[in-house]
Amino acid sequence: MSAITTHVLDLSTGRPAANVAVKLERKDDSGWRTVADRATDGDGRVRDFLAPGEMAAGLWRLTFGTGPYFAARGTQTFLPEAVITFEVFDAAQHHHVPLLVSPFGFSTYRGS
């Protein structure tokens, strides 16, 4: 399993959000660098952002394509994307970043 994972739940349906585009970036001296582009699976998860040894301390960012996700369901949304920036202090730890999303808001936390 990747050292960074995510799980997207659609609060408006009470179900996992499948096929949400998710971009993982890492900040370096020249700015933000894309590390991986994925889409959530049928259970709303991305488990394969990083290969073993790719994790590093520093700033990371996940960008979720919430606008296209809701548009595909015929639902207007206030949020075309949800961006979560977080800091990794210990690269040996697993970092799970869940996203709870609705058409008009989102919430996140450090999961396990």
C-alpha atoms as a PDB file:
ATOM      1  CA  MET A   1       0.000   0.000   0.000  1.00  0.00           C
ATOM      2  CA  SER A   2       1.099   3.539  -0.719  1.00  0.00           C
ATOM      3  CA  ALA A   3       2.405   5.714   2.138  1.00  0.00           C
ATOM      4  CA  ILE A   4      -0.325   8.246   1.206  1.00  0.00           C
ATOM      5  CA  THR A   5      -3.888   7.073   0.625  1.00  0.00           C
ATOM      6  CA  THR A   6      -7.319   8.674   0.433  1.00  0.00           C
ATOM      7  CA  HIS A   7     -10.995   7.746   0.649  1.00  0.00           C
ATOM      8  CA  VAL A   8     -13.764   9.990  -0.688  1.00  0.00           C
ATOM      9  CA  LEU A   9     -17.291   9.749   0.705  1.00  0.00           C
ATOM     10  CA  ASP A  10     -20.204  11.628  -0.854  1.00  0.00           C
ATOM     11  CA  LEU A  11     -22.268  12.922   2.063  1.00  0.00           C
ATOM     12  CA  SER A  12     -25.177  13.800  -0.237  1.00  0.00           C
ATOM     13  CA  THR A  13     -25.690  10.129  -1.092  1.00  0.00           C
ATOM     14  CA  GLY A  14     -24.086   8.416   1.885  1.00  0.00           C
ATOM     15  CA  ARG A  15     -21.938   6.391  -0.518  1.00  0.00           C
ATOM     16  CA  PRO A  16     -18.301   6.189  -1.610  1.00  0.00           C
ATOM     17  CA  ALA A  17     -17.470   8.604  -4.431  1.00  0.00           C
ATOM     18  CA  ALA A  18     -16.166   6.577  -7.370  1.00  0.00           C
ATOM     19  CA  ASN A  19     -14.267   8.056 -10.327  1.00  0.00           C
ATOM     20  CA  VAL A  20     -13.165  11.263  -8.604  1.00  0.00           C
ATOM     21  CA  ALA A  21      -9.957  12.579 -10.180  1.00  0.00           C
ATOM     22  CA  VAL A  22      -7.246  13.071  -7.532  1.00  0.00           C
ATOM     23  CA  LYS A  23      -3.848  14.683  -8.087  1.00  0.00           C
ATOM     24  CA  LEU A  24      -1.014  14.258  -5.575  1.00  0.00           C
ATOM     25  CA  GLU A  25       1.711  16.919  -5.533  1.00  0.00           C
ATOM     26  CA  ARG A  26       4.825  17.533  -3.468  1.00  0.00           C
ATOM     27  CA  LYS A  27       6.377  20.943  -2.873  1.00  0.00           C
ATOM     28  CA  ASP A  28      10.060  21.316  -3.645  1.00  0.00           C
ATOM     29  CA  ASP A  29      12.390  24.289  -4.168  1.00  0.00           C
ATOM     30  CA  SER A  30      10.851  25.119  -7.558  1.00  0.00           C
ATOM     31  CA  GLY A  31       7.192  24.844  -6.469  1.00  0.00           C
ATOM     32  CA  TRP A  32       4.553  22.119  -6.665  1.00  0.00           C
ATOM     33  CA  ARG A  33       5.497  18.966  -8.594  1.00  0.00           C
ATOM     34  CA  THR A  34       2.868  16.418  -9.650  1.00  0.00           C
ATOM     35  CA  VAL A  35       3.689  12.996  -8.260  1.00  0.00           C
ATOM     36  CA  ALA A  36       0.574  11.071  -9.356  1.00  0.00           C
ATOM     37  CA  ASP A  37      -2.798  11.475 -11.056  1.00  0.00           C
ATOM     38  CA  ARG A  38      -5.383   8.878 -10.120  1.00  0.00           C
ATOM     39  CA  ALA A  39      -9.144   8.339  -9.879  1.00  0.00           C
ATOM     40  CA  THR A  40     -10.966   6.826  -6.936  1.00  0.00           C
ATOM     41  CA  ASP A  41     -12.024   3.204  -7.318  1.00  0.00           C
ATOM     42  CA  GLY A  42     -15.529   1.807  -6.809  1.00  0.00           C
ATOM     43  CA  ASP A  43     -15.094   2.100  -3.054  1.00  0.00           C
ATOM     44  CA  GLY A  44     -13.995   5.757  -3.328  1.00  0.00           C
ATOM     45  CA  ARG A  45     -10.349   4.954  -2.559  1.00  0.00           C
ATOM     46  CA  VAL A  46      -6.905   5.610  -4.006  1.00  0.00           C
ATOM     47  CA  ARG A  47      -4.340   3.212  -2.586  1.00  0.00           C
ATOM     48  CA  ASP A  48      -1.467   3.479  -5.072  1.00  0.00           C
ATOM     49  CA  PHE A  49      -0.167   7.059  -5.178  1.00  0.00           C
ATOM     50  CA  LEU A  50       3.422   6.224  -4.223  1.00  0.00           C
ATOM     51  CA  ALA A  51       5.841   3.395  -4.892  1.00  0.00           C
ATOM     52  CA  PRO A  52       7.907   2.133  -1.959  1.00  0.00           C
ATOM     53  CA  GLY A  53      10.614   4.637  -1.038  1.00  0.00           C
ATOM     54  CA  GLU A  54       8.910   7.664  -2.658  1.00  0.00           C
ATOM     55  CA  MET A  55       7.613   9.127   0.620  1.00  0.00           C
ATOM     56  CA  ALA A  56       9.502  12.127   1.988  1.00  0.00           C
ATOM     57  CA  ALA A  57       9.002  14.695   4.711  1.00  0.00           C
ATOM     58  CA  GLY A  58       7.645  18.034   3.553  1.00  0.00           C
ATOM     59  CA  LEU A  59       4.520  19.644   2.135  1.00  0.00           C
ATOM     60  CA  TRP A  60       2.104  17.566   0.074  1.00  0.00           C
ATOM     61  CA  ARG A  61      -1.146  18.494  -1.646  1.00  0.00           C
ATOM     62  CA  LEU A  62      -4.171  16.504  -2.832  1.00  0.00           C
ATOM     63  CA  THR A  63      -6.523  18.106  -5.360  1.00  0.00           C
ATOM     64  CA  PHE A  64      -9.896  16.415  -5.826  1.00  0.00           C
ATOM     65  CA  GLY A  65     -11.985  17.016  -8.961  1.00  0.00           C
ATOM     66  CA  THR A  66     -15.294  17.507  -7.174  1.00  0.00           C
ATOM     67  CA  GLY A  67     -16.829  19.645  -9.952  1.00  0.00           C
ATOM     68  CA  PRO A  68     -16.623  16.963 -12.660  1.00  0.00           C
ATOM     69  CA  TYR A  69     -17.722  14.308 -10.133  1.00  0.00           C
ATOM     70  CA  PHE A  70     -20.945  16.163  -9.281  1.00  0.00           C
ATOM     71  CA  ALA A  71     -21.522  17.278 -12.896  1.00  0.00           C
ATOM     72  CA  ALA A  72     -21.485  13.621 -13.987  1.00  0.00           C
ATOM     73  CA  ARG A  73     -24.370  13.099 -11.546  1.00  0.00           C
ATOM     74  CA  GLY A  74     -26.327  16.110 -12.779  1.00  0.00           C
ATOM     75  CA  THR A  75     -25.694  17.984  -9.531  1.00  0.00           C
ATOM     76  CA  GLN A  76     -24.553  21.587  -9.334  1.00  0.00           C
ATOM     77  CA  THR A  77     -21.716  22.224  -6.910  1.00  0.00           C
ATOM     78  CA  PHE A  78     -20.267  25.307  -5.302  1.00  0.00           C
ATOM     79  CA  LEU A  79     -16.841  23.625  -5.209  1.00  0.00           C
ATOM     80  CA  PRO A  80     -15.153  22.807  -8.526  1.00  0.00           C
ATOM     81  CA  GLU A  81     -12.307  21.231  -6.562  1.00  0.00           C
ATOM     82  CA  ALA A  82     -11.252  20.472  -3.012  1.00  0.00           C
ATOM     83  CA  VAL A  83      -7.589  21.104  -2.200  1.00  0.00           C
ATOM     84  CA  ILE A  84      -5.954  19.683   0.913  1.00  0.00           C
ATOM     85  CA  THR A  85      -2.396  20.665   1.802  1.00  0.00           C
ATOM     86  CA  PHE A  86      -0.732  18.717   4.585  1.00  0.00           C
ATOM     87  CA  GLU A  87       2.727  18.307   6.067  1.00  0.00           C
ATOM     88  CA  VAL A  88       4.563  15.030   6.489  1.00  0.00           C
ATOM     89  CA  PHE A  89       6.982  15.101   9.410  1.00  0.00           C
ATOM     90  CA  ASP A  90       7.827  11.393   9.570  1.00  0.00           C
ATOM     91  CA  ALA A  91       8.156   9.724   6.173  1.00  0.00           C
ATOM     92  CA  ALA A  92       8.065   6.295   7.822  1.00  0.00           C
ATOM     93  CA  GLN A  93       4.410   6.769   8.835  1.00  0.00           C
ATOM     94  CA  HIS A  94       1.339   6.061   6.727  1.00  0.00           C
ATOM     95  CA  HIS A  95      -0.752   9.160   5.901  1.00  0.00           C
ATOM     96  CA  HIS A  96      -4.439   8.568   5.132  1.00  0.00           C
ATOM     97  CA  VAL A  97      -6.350  11.688   4.062  1.00  0.00           C
ATOM     98  CA  PRO A  98     -10.126  11.081   3.846  1.00  0.00           C
ATOM     99  CA  LEU A  99     -12.434  13.567   2.139  1.00  0.00           C
ATOM    100  CA  LEU A 100     -16.095  13.931   3.097  1.00  0.00           C
ATOM    101  CA  VAL A 101     -17.744  15.921   0.325  1.00  0.00           C
ATOM    102  CA  SER A 102     -21.124  17.382  -0.556  1.00  0.00           C
ATOM    103  CA  PRO A 103     -22.094  19.816  -3.315  1.00  0.00           C
ATOM    104  CA  PHE A 104     -21.603  22.767  -0.933  1.00  0.00           C
ATOM    105  CA  GLY A 105     -18.836  21.803   1.464  1.00  0.00           C
ATOM    106  CA  PHE A 106     -16.146  19.346   2.482  1.00  0.00           C
ATOM    107  CA  SER A 107     -14.305  18.110   5.534  1.00  0.00           C
ATOM    108  CA  THR A 108     -11.112  16.166   6.079  1.00  0.00           C
ATOM    109  CA  TYR A 109      -8.917  14.813   8.869  1.00  0.00           C
ATOM    110  CA  ARG A 110      -5.844  12.661   9.309  1.00  0.00           C
ATOM    111  CA  GLY A 111      -7.104   9.110   9.179  1.00  0.00           C
ATOM    112  CA  SER A 112      -5.449   5.848  10.002  1.00  0.00           C
END
